[in-house]
Amino acid sequence: LFLLKCDSVIVMGTATSGCVRATVVDAFSHNLRVTVVEDGCFERCQA
């Protein structure tokens, strides 16, 4: 991301509560702007 000079990430994938959330929190912690695509994420448990 540094090499590409990115200032932000647009995140999709799975699992919403696990790998997506952990990635989002770390991106936030690196002071990147983060967008999560609601209908581009999924999870085994609906709640």
ModelCIF file with pLDDT and N, C-alpha, C, O atoms, coordinates in Angstrom:
data_MODEL
#
_entry.id   MODEL 
#
_entity.id                         1 
_entity.type                       polymer 
_entity.pdbx_number_of_molecules   1 
#
_entity_poly.entity_id                      1 
_entity_poly.type                           'polypeptide(L)' 
_entity_poly.nstd_linkage                   no 
_entity_poly.nstd_monomer                   no 
_entity_poly.pdbx_seq_one_letter_code       LFLLKCDSVIVMGTATSGCVRATVVDAFSHNLRVTVVEDGCFERCQA 
_entity_poly.pdbx_seq_one_letter_code_can   LFLLKCDSVIVMGTATSGCVRATVVDAFSHNLRVTVVEDGCFERCQA 
_entity_poly.pdbx_strand_id                 A 
#
loop_
_entity_poly_seq.entity_id 
_entity_poly_seq.num 
_entity_poly_seq.mon_id 
_entity_poly_seq.hetero 
1 1  LEU n 
1 2  PHE n 
1 3  LEU n 
1 4  LEU n 
1 5  LYS n 
1 6  CYS n 
1 7  ASP n 
1 8  SER n 
1 9  VAL n 
1 10 ILE n 
1 11 VAL n 
1 12 MET n 
1 13 GLY n 
1 14 THR n 
1 15 ALA n 
1 16 THR n 
1 17 SER n 
1 18 GLY n 
1 19 CYS n 
1 20 VAL n 
1 21 ARG n 
1 22 ALA n 
1 23 THR n 
1 24 VAL n 
1 25 VAL n 
1 26 ASP n 
1 27 ALA n 
1 28 PHE n 
1 29 SER n 
1 30 HIS n 
1 31 ASN n 
1 32 LEU n 
1 33 ARG n 
1 34 VAL n 
1 35 THR n 
1 36 VAL n 
1 37 VAL n 
1 38 GLU n 
1 39 ASP n 
1 40 GLY n 
1 41 CYS n 
1 42 PHE n 
1 43 GLU n 
1 44 ARG n 
1 45 CYS n 
1 46 GLN n 
1 47 ALA n 
#
_struct_asym.id          A 
_struct_asym.entity_id   1 
#
loop_
_ma_qa_metric.id 
_ma_qa_metric.mode 
_ma_qa_metric.name 
_ma_qa_metric.software_group_id 
_ma_qa_metric.type 
1 global pLDDT . pLDDT 
2 local  pLDDT . pLDDT 
#
_ma_qa_metric_global.metric_id      1 
_ma_qa_metric_global.metric_value   97.64 
_ma_qa_metric_global.model_id       1 
_ma_qa_metric_global.ordinal_id     1 
#
loop_
_ma_qa_metric_local.label_asym_id 
_ma_qa_metric_local.label_comp_id 
_ma_qa_metric_local.label_seq_id 
_ma_qa_metric_local.metric_id 
_ma_qa_metric_local.metric_value 
_ma_qa_metric_local.model_id 
_ma_qa_metric_local.ordinal_id 
A LEU 1  2 98.00 1 1  
A PHE 2  2 98.00 1 2  
A LEU 3  2 97.00 1 3  
A LEU 4  2 98.00 1 4  
A LYS 5  2 98.00 1 5  
A CYS 6  2 98.00 1 6  
A ASP 7  2 98.00 1 7  
A SER 8  2 98.00 1 8  
A VAL 9  2 98.00 1 9  
A ILE 10 2 99.00 1 10 
A VAL 11 2 98.00 1 11 
A MET 12 2 98.00 1 12 
A GLY 13 2 98.00 1 13 
A THR 14 2 98.00 1 14 
A ALA 15 2 97.00 1 15 
A THR 16 2 98.00 1 16 
A SER 17 2 97.00 1 17 
A GLY 18 2 97.00 1 18 
A CYS 19 2 98.00 1 19 
A VAL 20 2 98.00 1 20 
A ARG 21 2 98.00 1 21 
A ALA 22 2 98.00 1 22 
A THR 23 2 98.00 1 23 
A VAL 24 2 98.00 1 24 
A VAL 25 2 98.00 1 25 
A ASP 26 2 98.00 1 26 
A ALA 27 2 98.00 1 27 
A PHE 28 2 98.00 1 28 
A SER 29 2 98.00 1 29 
A HIS 30 2 98.00 1 30 
A ASN 31 2 98.00 1 31 
A LEU 32 2 98.00 1 32 
A ARG 33 2 98.00 1 33 
A VAL 34 2 98.00 1 34 
A THR 35 2 98.00 1 35 
A VAL 36 2 98.00 1 36 
A VAL 37 2 98.00 1 37 
A GLU 38 2 98.00 1 38 
A ASP 39 2 98.00 1 39 
A GLY 40 2 98.00 1 40 
A CYS 41 2 98.00 1 41 
A PHE 42 2 98.00 1 42 
A GLU 43 2 96.00 1 43 
A ARG 44 2 94.00 1 44 
A CYS 45 2 95.00 1 45 
A GLN 46 2 95.00 1 46 
A ALA 47 2 96.00 1 47 
#
loop_
_atom_site.group_PDB 
_atom_site.id 
_atom_site.type_symbol 
_atom_site.label_atom_id 
_atom_site.label_alt_id 
_atom_site.label_comp_id 
_atom_site.label_asym_id 
_atom_site.label_entity_id 
_atom_site.label_seq_id 
_atom_site.pdbx_PDB_ins_code 
_atom_site.Cartn_x 
_atom_site.Cartn_y 
_atom_site.Cartn_z 
_atom_site.occupancy 
_atom_site.B_iso_or_equiv 
_atom_site.pdbx_formal_charge 
_atom_site.auth_seq_id 
_atom_site.auth_comp_id 
_atom_site.auth_asym_id 
_atom_site.auth_atom_id 
_atom_site.pdbx_PDB_model_num 
ATOM 1   N N  . LEU A 1 1  ? 0.828   -1.201  0.000  1.00 98.00 ? 1  LEU A N  1 
ATOM 2   C CA . LEU A 1 1  ? 0.000   0.000   0.000  1.00 98.00 ? 1  LEU A CA 1 
ATOM 3   C C  . LEU A 1 1  ? 0.868   1.259   0.000  1.00 98.00 ? 1  LEU A C  1 
ATOM 4   O O  . LEU A 1 1  ? 0.537   2.254   -0.645 1.00 98.00 ? 1  LEU A O  1 
ATOM 5   N N  . PHE A 1 2  ? 1.974   1.203   0.726  1.00 98.00 ? 2  PHE A N  1 
ATOM 6   C CA . PHE A 1 2  ? 2.919   2.324   0.742  1.00 98.00 ? 2  PHE A CA 1 
ATOM 7   C C  . PHE A 1 2  ? 3.537   2.511   -0.640 1.00 98.00 ? 2  PHE A C  1 
ATOM 8   O O  . PHE A 1 2  ? 3.635   3.637   -1.129 1.00 98.00 ? 2  PHE A O  1 
ATOM 9   N N  . LEU A 1 3  ? 3.953   1.413   -1.272 1.00 97.00 ? 3  LEU A N  1 
ATOM 10  C CA . LEU A 1 3  ? 4.548   1.485   -2.604 1.00 97.00 ? 3  LEU A CA 1 
ATOM 11  C C  . LEU A 1 3  ? 3.573   2.066   -3.622 1.00 97.00 ? 3  LEU A C  1 
ATOM 12  O O  . LEU A 1 3  ? 3.964   2.825   -4.508 1.00 97.00 ? 3  LEU A O  1 
ATOM 13  N N  . LEU A 1 4  ? 2.296   1.699   -3.487 1.00 98.00 ? 4  LEU A N  1 
ATOM 14  C CA . LEU A 1 4  ? 1.270   2.186   -4.407 1.00 98.00 ? 4  LEU A CA 1 
ATOM 15  C C  . LEU A 1 4  ? 0.766   3.582   -4.047 1.00 98.00 ? 4  LEU A C  1 
ATOM 16  O O  . LEU A 1 4  ? -0.016  4.175   -4.791 1.00 98.00 ? 4  LEU A O  1 
ATOM 17  N N  . LYS A 1 5  ? 1.215   4.104   -2.906 1.00 98.00 ? 5  LYS A N  1 
ATOM 18  C CA . LYS A 1 5  ? 0.787   5.427   -2.412 1.00 98.00 ? 5  LYS A CA 1 
ATOM 19  C C  . LYS A 1 5  ? -0.727  5.467   -2.170 1.00 98.00 ? 5  LYS A C  1 
ATOM 20  O O  . LYS A 1 5  ? -1.383  6.466   -2.465 1.00 98.00 ? 5  LYS A O  1 
ATOM 21  N N  . CYS A 1 6  ? -1.268  4.380   -1.636 1.00 98.00 ? 6  CYS A N  1 
ATOM 22  C CA . CYS A 1 6  ? -2.695  4.314   -1.306 1.00 98.00 ? 6  CYS A CA 1 
ATOM 23  C C  . CYS A 1 6  ? -2.972  5.055   -0.007 1.00 98.00 ? 6  CYS A C  1 
ATOM 24  O O  . CYS A 1 6  ? -2.182  4.990   0.935  1.00 98.00 ? 6  CYS A O  1 
ATOM 25  N N  . ASP A 1 7  ? -4.081  5.748   0.036  1.00 98.00 ? 7  ASP A N  1 
ATOM 26  C CA . ASP A 1 7  ? -4.495  6.412   1.274  1.00 98.00 ? 7  ASP A CA 1 
ATOM 27  C C  . ASP A 1 7  ? -5.750  5.779   1.860  1.00 98.00 ? 7  ASP A C  1 
ATOM 28  O O  . ASP A 1 7  ? -6.280  6.252   2.865  1.00 98.00 ? 7  ASP A O  1 
ATOM 29  N N  . SER A 1 8  ? -6.225  4.701   1.223  1.00 98.00 ? 8  SER A N  1 
ATOM 30  C CA . SER A 1 8  ? -7.509  4.138   1.628  1.00 98.00 ? 8  SER A CA 1 
ATOM 31  C C  . SER A 1 8  ? -7.668  2.733   1.056  1.00 98.00 ? 8  SER A C  1 
ATOM 32  O O  . SER A 1 8  ? -6.987  2.343   0.108  1.00 98.00 ? 8  SER A O  1 
ATOM 33  N N  . VAL A 1 9  ? -8.589  1.987   1.664  1.00 98.00 ? 9  VAL A N  1 
ATOM 34  C CA . VAL A 1 9  ? -8.934  0.667   1.150  1.00 98.00 ? 9  VAL A CA 1 
ATOM 35  C C  . VAL A 1 9  ? -10.449 0.514   1.105  1.00 98.00 ? 9  VAL A C  1 
ATOM 36  O O  . VAL A 1 9  ? -11.171 1.031   1.958  1.00 98.00 ? 9  VAL A O  1 
ATOM 37  N N  . ILE A 1 10 ? -10.905 -0.202  0.099  1.00 99.00 ? 10 ILE A N  1 
ATOM 38  C CA . ILE A 1 10 ? -12.308 -0.590  -0.042 1.00 99.00 ? 10 ILE A CA 1 
ATOM 39  C C  . ILE A 1 10 ? -12.344 -2.095  0.153  1.00 99.00 ? 10 ILE A C  1 
ATOM 40  O O  . ILE A 1 10 ? -11.770 -2.842  -0.639 1.00 99.00 ? 10 ILE A O  1 
ATOM 41  N N  . VAL A 1 11 ? -13.020 -2.542  1.213  1.00 98.00 ? 11 VAL A N  1 
ATOM 42  C CA . VAL A 1 11 ? -12.910 -3.925  1.672  1.00 98.00 ? 11 VAL A CA 1 
ATOM 43  C C  . VAL A 1 11 ? -14.185 -4.710  1.371  1.00 98.00 ? 11 VAL A C  1 
ATOM 44  O O  . VAL A 1 11 ? -15.299 -4.240  1.603  1.00 98.00 ? 11 VAL A O  1 
ATOM 45  N N  . MET A 1 12 ? -13.984 -5.926  0.846  1.00 98.00 ? 12 MET A N  1 
ATOM 46  C CA . MET A 1 12 ? -15.066 -6.890  0.673  1.00 98.00 ? 12 MET A CA 1 
ATOM 47  C C  . MET A 1 12 ? -14.555 -8.255  1.093  1.00 98.00 ? 12 MET A C  1 
ATOM 48  O O  . MET A 1 12 ? -13.345 -8.465  1.177  1.00 98.00 ? 12 MET A O  1 
ATOM 49  N N  . GLY A 1 13 ? -15.466 -9.191  1.360  1.00 98.00 ? 13 GLY A N  1 
ATOM 50  C CA . GLY A 1 13 ? -15.032 -10.544 1.653  1.00 98.00 ? 13 GLY A CA 1 
ATOM 51  C C  . GLY A 1 13 ? -15.672 -11.143 2.877  1.00 98.00 ? 13 GLY A C  1 
ATOM 52  O O  . GLY A 1 13 ? -16.814 -10.836 3.216  1.00 98.00 ? 13 GLY A O  1 
ATOM 53  N N  . THR A 1 14 ? -14.912 -12.014 3.546  1.00 98.00 ? 14 THR A N  1 
ATOM 54  C CA . THR A 1 14 ? -15.459 -12.833 4.618  1.00 98.00 ? 14 THR A CA 1 
ATOM 55  C C  . THR A 1 14 ? -14.372 -13.212 5.623  1.00 98.00 ? 14 THR A C  1 
ATOM 56  O O  . THR A 1 14 ? -13.192 -13.095 5.295  1.00 98.00 ? 14 THR A O  1 
ATOM 57  N N  . ALA A 1 15 ? -14.706 -13.648 6.794  1.00 97.00 ? 15 ALA A N  1 
ATOM 58  C CA . ALA A 1 15 ? -16.020 -13.545 7.412  1.00 97.00 ? 15 ALA A CA 1 
ATOM 59  C C  . ALA A 1 15 ? -16.142 -12.150 8.019  1.00 97.00 ? 15 ALA A C  1 
ATOM 60  O O  . ALA A 1 15 ? -15.179 -11.609 8.563  1.00 97.00 ? 15 ALA A O  1 
ATOM 61  N N  . THR A 1 16 ? -17.315 -11.592 7.920  1.00 98.00 ? 16 THR A N  1 
ATOM 62  C CA . THR A 1 16 ? -17.529 -10.221 8.357  1.00 98.00 ? 16 THR A CA 1 
ATOM 63  C C  . THR A 1 16 ? -17.036 -9.990  9.785  1.00 98.00 ? 16 THR A C  1 
ATOM 64  O O  . THR A 1 16 ? -16.384 -8.984  10.068 1.00 98.00 ? 16 THR A O  1 
ATOM 65  N N  . SER A 1 17 ? -17.348 -10.918 10.672 1.00 97.00 ? 17 SER A N  1 
ATOM 66  C CA . SER A 1 17 ? -17.002 -10.743 12.085 1.00 97.00 ? 17 SER A CA 1 
ATOM 67  C C  . SER A 1 17 ? -15.566 -11.113 12.404 1.00 97.00 ? 17 SER A C  1 
ATOM 68  O O  . SER A 1 17 ? -15.070 -10.802 13.488 1.00 97.00 ? 17 SER A O  1 
ATOM 69  N N  . GLY A 1 18 ? -14.885 -11.781 11.460 1.00 97.00 ? 18 GLY A N  1 
ATOM 70  C CA . GLY A 1 18 ? -13.541 -12.273 11.719 1.00 97.00 ? 18 GLY A CA 1 
ATOM 71  C C  . GLY A 1 18 ? -12.490 -11.573 10.886 1.00 97.00 ? 18 GLY A C  1 
ATOM 72  O O  . GLY A 1 18 ? -11.972 -10.527 11.276 1.00 97.00 ? 18 GLY A O  1 
ATOM 73  N N  . CYS A 1 19 ? -12.174 -12.156 9.727  1.00 98.00 ? 19 CYS A N  1 
ATOM 74  C CA . CYS A 1 19 ? -11.073 -11.641 8.919  1.00 98.00 ? 19 CYS A CA 1 
ATOM 75  C C  . CYS A 1 19 ? -11.364 -10.254 8.349  1.00 98.00 ? 19 CYS A C  1 
ATOM 76  O O  . CYS A 1 19 ? -10.458 -9.428  8.246  1.00 98.00 ? 19 CYS A O  1 
ATOM 77  N N  . VAL A 1 20 ? -12.614 -9.992  7.978  1.00 98.00 ? 20 VAL A N  1 
ATOM 78  C CA . VAL A 1 20 ? -12.946 -8.652  7.476  1.00 98.00 ? 20 VAL A CA 1 
ATOM 79  C C  . VAL A 1 20 ? -12.791 -7.630  8.593  1.00 98.00 ? 20 VAL A C  1 
ATOM 80  O O  . VAL A 1 20 ? -12.132 -6.605  8.413  1.00 98.00 ? 20 VAL A O  1 
ATOM 81  N N  . ARG A 1 21 ? -13.385 -7.898  9.729  1.00 98.00 ? 21 ARG A N  1 
ATOM 82  C CA . ARG A 1 21 ? -13.300 -6.939  10.837 1.00 98.00 ? 21 ARG A CA 1 
ATOM 83  C C  . ARG A 1 21 ? -11.857 -6.730  11.289 1.00 98.00 ? 21 ARG A C  1 
ATOM 84  O O  . ARG A 1 21 ? -11.443 -5.592  11.509 1.00 98.00 ? 21 ARG A O  1 
ATOM 85  N N  . ALA A 1 22 ? -11.082 -7.812  11.433 1.00 98.00 ? 22 ALA A N  1 
ATOM 86  C CA . ALA A 1 22 ? -9.689  -7.672  11.860 1.00 98.00 ? 22 ALA A CA 1 
ATOM 87  C C  . ALA A 1 22 ? -8.900  -6.834  10.868 1.00 98.00 ? 22 ALA A C  1 
ATOM 88  O O  . ALA A 1 22 ? -8.073  -6.014  11.268 1.00 98.00 ? 22 ALA A O  1 
ATOM 89  N N  . THR A 1 23 ? -9.147  -7.030  9.583  1.00 98.00 ? 23 THR A N  1 
ATOM 90  C CA . THR A 1 23 ? -8.461  -6.260  8.541  1.00 98.00 ? 23 THR A CA 1 
ATOM 91  C C  . THR A 1 23 ? -8.869  -4.797  8.599  1.00 98.00 ? 23 THR A C  1 
ATOM 92  O O  . THR A 1 23 ? -8.029  -3.907  8.469  1.00 98.00 ? 23 THR A O  1 
ATOM 93  N N  . VAL A 1 24 ? -10.160 -4.547  8.793  1.00 98.00 ? 24 VAL A N  1 
ATOM 94  C CA . VAL A 1 24 ? -10.664 -3.168  8.867  1.00 98.00 ? 24 VAL A CA 1 
ATOM 95  C C  . VAL A 1 24 ? -10.062 -2.435  10.057 1.00 98.00 ? 24 VAL A C  1 
ATOM 96  O O  . VAL A 1 24 ? -9.631  -1.290  9.924  1.00 98.00 ? 24 VAL A O  1 
ATOM 97  N N  . VAL A 1 25 ? -10.029 -3.076  11.211 1.00 98.00 ? 25 VAL A N  1 
ATOM 98  C CA . VAL A 1 25 ? -9.469  -2.434  12.407 1.00 98.00 ? 25 VAL A CA 1 
ATOM 99  C C  . VAL A 1 25 ? -7.990  -2.125  12.205 1.00 98.00 ? 25 VAL A C  1 
ATOM 100 O O  . VAL A 1 25 ? -7.526  -1.056  12.602 1.00 98.00 ? 25 VAL A O  1 
ATOM 101 N N  . ASP A 1 26 ? -7.248  -3.036  11.599 1.00 98.00 ? 26 ASP A N  1 
ATOM 102 C CA . ASP A 1 26 ? -5.824  -2.775  11.361 1.00 98.00 ? 26 ASP A CA 1 
ATOM 103 C C  . ASP A 1 26 ? -5.621  -1.674  10.320 1.00 98.00 ? 26 ASP A C  1 
ATOM 104 O O  . ASP A 1 26 ? -4.716  -0.852  10.460 1.00 98.00 ? 26 ASP A O  1 
ATOM 105 N N  . ALA A 1 27 ? -6.450  -1.651  9.285  1.00 98.00 ? 27 ALA A N  1 
ATOM 106 C CA . ALA A 1 27 ? -6.353  -0.567  8.302  1.00 98.00 ? 27 ALA A CA 1 
ATOM 107 C C  . ALA A 1 27 ? -6.625  0.779   8.968  1.00 98.00 ? 27 ALA A C  1 
ATOM 108 O O  . ALA A 1 27 ? -5.905  1.750   8.736  1.00 98.00 ? 27 ALA A O  1 
ATOM 109 N N  . PHE A 1 28 ? -7.659  0.831   9.789  1.00 98.00 ? 28 PHE A N  1 
ATOM 110 C CA . PHE A 1 28 ? -7.976  2.027   10.564 1.00 98.00 ? 28 PHE A CA 1 
ATOM 111 C C  . PHE A 1 28 ? -6.794  2.411   11.452 1.00 98.00 ? 28 PHE A C  1 
ATOM 112 O O  . PHE A 1 28 ? -6.468  3.591   11.580 1.00 98.00 ? 28 PHE A O  1 
ATOM 113 N N  . SER A 1 29 ? -6.155  1.418   12.063 1.00 98.00 ? 29 SER A N  1 
ATOM 114 C CA . SER A 1 29 ? -5.038  1.678   12.961 1.00 98.00 ? 29 SER A CA 1 
ATOM 115 C C  . SER A 1 29 ? -3.831  2.237   12.222 1.00 98.00 ? 29 SER A C  1 
ATOM 116 O O  . SER A 1 29 ? -2.989  2.905   12.823 1.00 98.00 ? 29 SER A O  1 
ATOM 117 N N  . HIS A 1 30 ? -3.741  1.970   10.926 1.00 98.00 ? 30 HIS A N  1 
ATOM 118 C CA . HIS A 1 30 ? -2.677  2.528   10.088 1.00 98.00 ? 30 HIS A CA 1 
ATOM 119 C C  . HIS A 1 30 ? -3.088  3.878   9.482  1.00 98.00 ? 30 HIS A C  1 
ATOM 120 O O  . HIS A 1 30 ? -2.405  4.399   8.601  1.00 98.00 ? 30 HIS A O  1 
ATOM 121 N N  . ASN A 1 31 ? -4.193  4.432   9.953  1.00 98.00 ? 31 ASN A N  1 
ATOM 122 C CA . ASN A 1 31 ? -4.683  5.732   9.493  1.00 98.00 ? 31 ASN A CA 1 
ATOM 123 C C  . ASN A 1 31 ? -5.057  5.749   8.019  1.00 98.00 ? 31 ASN A C  1 
ATOM 124 O O  . ASN A 1 31 ? -4.909  6.766   7.343  1.00 98.00 ? 31 ASN A O  1 
ATOM 125 N N  . LEU A 1 32 ? -5.541  4.615   7.527  1.00 98.00 ? 32 LEU A N  1 
ATOM 126 C CA . LEU A 1 32 ? -6.134  4.555   6.201  1.00 98.00 ? 32 LEU A CA 1 
ATOM 127 C C  . LEU A 1 32 ? -7.628  4.837   6.320  1.00 98.00 ? 32 LEU A C  1 
ATOM 128 O O  . LEU A 1 32 ? -8.262  4.457   7.305  1.00 98.00 ? 32 LEU A O  1 
ATOM 129 N N  . ARG A 1 33 ? -8.180  5.494   5.326  1.00 98.00 ? 33 ARG A N  1 
ATOM 130 C CA . ARG A 1 33 ? -9.641  5.602   5.267  1.00 98.00 ? 33 ARG A CA 1 
ATOM 131 C C  . ARG A 1 33 ? -10.182 4.252   4.781  1.00 98.00 ? 33 ARG A C  1 
ATOM 132 O O  . ARG A 1 33 ? -9.657  3.665   3.835  1.00 98.00 ? 33 ARG A O  1 
ATOM 133 N N  . VAL A 1 34 ? -11.223 3.781   5.433  1.00 98.00 ? 34 VAL A N  1 
ATOM 134 C CA . VAL A 1 34 ? -11.725 2.438   5.147  1.00 98.00 ? 34 VAL A CA 1 
ATOM 135 C C  . VAL A 1 34 ? -13.196 2.498   4.755  1.00 98.00 ? 34 VAL A C  1 
ATOM 136 O O  . VAL A 1 34 ? -14.016 3.105   5.444  1.00 98.00 ? 34 VAL A O  1 
ATOM 137 N N  . THR A 1 35 ? -13.511 1.856   3.636  1.00 98.00 ? 35 THR A N  1 
ATOM 138 C CA . THR A 1 35 ? -14.889 1.648   3.218  1.00 98.00 ? 35 THR A CA 1 
ATOM 139 C C  . THR A 1 35 ? -15.148 0.154   3.175  1.00 98.00 ? 35 THR A C  1 
ATOM 140 O O  . THR A 1 35 ? -14.338 -0.600  2.636  1.00 98.00 ? 35 THR A O  1 
ATOM 141 N N  . VAL A 1 36 ? -16.257 -0.281  3.732  1.00 98.00 ? 36 VAL A N  1 
ATOM 142 C CA . VAL A 1 36 ? -16.677 -1.675  3.674  1.00 98.00 ? 36 VAL A CA 1 
ATOM 143 C C  . VAL A 1 36 ? -17.927 -1.752  2.800  1.00 98.00 ? 36 VAL A C  1 
ATOM 144 O O  . VAL A 1 36 ? -18.884 -1.005  3.006  1.00 98.00 ? 36 VAL A O  1 
ATOM 145 N N  . VAL A 1 37 ? -17.910 -2.654  1.829  1.00 98.00 ? 37 VAL A N  1 
ATOM 146 C CA . VAL A 1 37 ? -19.058 -2.815  0.936  1.00 98.00 ? 37 VAL A CA 1 
ATOM 147 C C  . VAL A 1 37 ? -20.052 -3.772  1.596  1.00 98.00 ? 37 VAL A C  1 
ATOM 148 O O  . VAL A 1 37 ? -19.797 -4.970  1.712  1.00 98.00 ? 37 VAL A O  1 
ATOM 149 N N  . GLU A 1 38 ? -21.178 -3.227  2.021  1.00 98.00 ? 38 GLU A N  1 
ATOM 150 C CA . GLU A 1 38 ? -22.134 -3.995  2.827  1.00 98.00 ? 38 GLU A CA 1 
ATOM 151 C C  . GLU A 1 38 ? -22.564 -5.293  2.150  1.00 98.00 ? 38 GLU A C  1 
ATOM 152 O O  . GLU A 1 38 ? -22.530 -6.355  2.771  1.00 98.00 ? 38 GLU A O  1 
ATOM 153 N N  . ASP A 1 39 ? -22.966 -5.217  0.886  1.00 98.00 ? 39 ASP A N  1 
ATOM 154 C CA . ASP A 1 39 ? -23.442 -6.408  0.177  1.00 98.00 ? 39 ASP A CA 1 
ATOM 155 C C  . ASP A 1 39 ? -22.320 -7.176  -0.494 1.00 98.00 ? 39 ASP A C  1 
ATOM 156 O O  . ASP A 1 39 ? -22.573 -8.131  -1.228 1.00 98.00 ? 39 ASP A O  1 
ATOM 157 N N  . GLY A 1 40 ? -21.074 -6.768  -0.249 1.00 98.00 ? 40 GLY A N  1 
ATOM 158 C CA . GLY A 1 40 ? -19.915 -7.493  -0.731 1.00 98.00 ? 40 GLY A CA 1 
ATOM 159 C C  . GLY A 1 40 ? -19.224 -8.276  0.368  1.00 98.00 ? 40 GLY A C  1 
ATOM 160 O O  . GLY A 1 40 ? -18.132 -8.806  0.165  1.00 98.00 ? 40 GLY A O  1 
ATOM 161 N N  . CYS A 1 41 ? -19.860 -8.351  1.546  1.00 98.00 ? 41 CYS A N  1 
ATOM 162 C CA . CYS A 1 41 ? -19.335 -9.122  2.675  1.00 98.00 ? 41 CYS A CA 1 
ATOM 163 C C  . CYS A 1 41 ? -20.346 -10.197 3.050  1.00 98.00 ? 41 CYS A C  1 
ATOM 164 O O  . CYS A 1 41 ? -21.543 -10.052 2.801  1.00 98.00 ? 41 CYS A O  1 
ATOM 165 N N  . PHE A 1 42 ? -19.859 -11.270 3.648  1.00 98.00 ? 42 PHE A N  1 
ATOM 166 C CA . PHE A 1 42 ? -20.765 -12.333 4.069  1.00 98.00 ? 42 PHE A CA 1 
ATOM 167 C C  . PHE A 1 42 ? -20.187 -13.079 5.265  1.00 98.00 ? 42 PHE A C  1 
ATOM 168 O O  . PHE A 1 42 ? -19.015 -12.936 5.614  1.00 98.00 ? 42 PHE A O  1 
ATOM 169 N N  . GLU A 1 43 ? -21.051 -13.876 5.876  1.00 96.00 ? 43 GLU A N  1 
ATOM 170 C CA . GLU A 1 43 ? -20.740 -14.479 7.183  1.00 96.00 ? 43 GLU A CA 1 
ATOM 171 C C  . GLU A 1 43 ? -21.654 -15.683 7.373  1.00 96.00 ? 43 GLU A C  1 
ATOM 172 O O  . GLU A 1 43 ? -22.762 -15.705 6.835  1.00 96.00 ? 43 GLU A O  1 
ATOM 173 N N  . ARG A 1 44 ? -21.213 -16.675 8.121  1.00 94.00 ? 44 ARG A N  1 
ATOM 174 C CA . ARG A 1 44 ? -22.052 -17.834 8.420  1.00 94.00 ? 44 ARG A CA 1 
ATOM 175 C C  . ARG A 1 44 ? -23.258 -17.456 9.282  1.00 94.00 ? 44 ARG A C  1 
ATOM 176 O O  . ARG A 1 44 ? -24.364 -17.941 9.042  1.00 94.00 ? 44 ARG A O  1 
ATOM 177 N N  . CYS A 1 45 ? -23.061 -16.616 10.261 1.00 95.00 ? 45 CYS A N  1 
ATOM 178 C CA . CYS A 1 45 ? -24.105 -16.262 11.235 1.00 95.00 ? 45 CYS A CA 1 
ATOM 179 C C  . CYS A 1 45 ? -24.665 -14.882 10.915 1.00 95.00 ? 45 CYS A C  1 
ATOM 180 O O  . CYS A 1 45 ? -23.920 -13.904 10.856 1.00 95.00 ? 45 CYS A O  1 
ATOM 181 N N  . GLN A 1 46 ? -25.947 -14.804 10.711 1.00 95.00 ? 46 GLN A N  1 
ATOM 182 C CA . GLN A 1 46 ? -26.575 -13.548 10.290 1.00 95.00 ? 46 GLN A CA 1 
ATOM 183 C C  . GLN A 1 46 ? -26.437 -12.447 11.333 1.00 95.00 ? 46 GLN A C  1 
ATOM 184 O O  . GLN A 1 46 ? -26.191 -11.292 10.987 1.00 95.00 ? 46 GLN A O  1 
ATOM 185 N N  . ALA A 1 47 ? -26.595 -12.797 12.609 1.00 96.00 ? 47 ALA A N  1 
ATOM 186 C CA . ALA A 1 47 ? -26.479 -11.787 13.656 1.00 96.00 ? 47 ALA A CA 1 
ATOM 187 C C  . ALA A 1 47 ? -25.059 -11.234 13.727 1.00 96.00 ? 47 ALA A C  1 
ATOM 188 O O  . ALA A 1 47 ? -24.774 -10.369 14.555 1.00 96.00 ? 47 ALA A O  1 
#
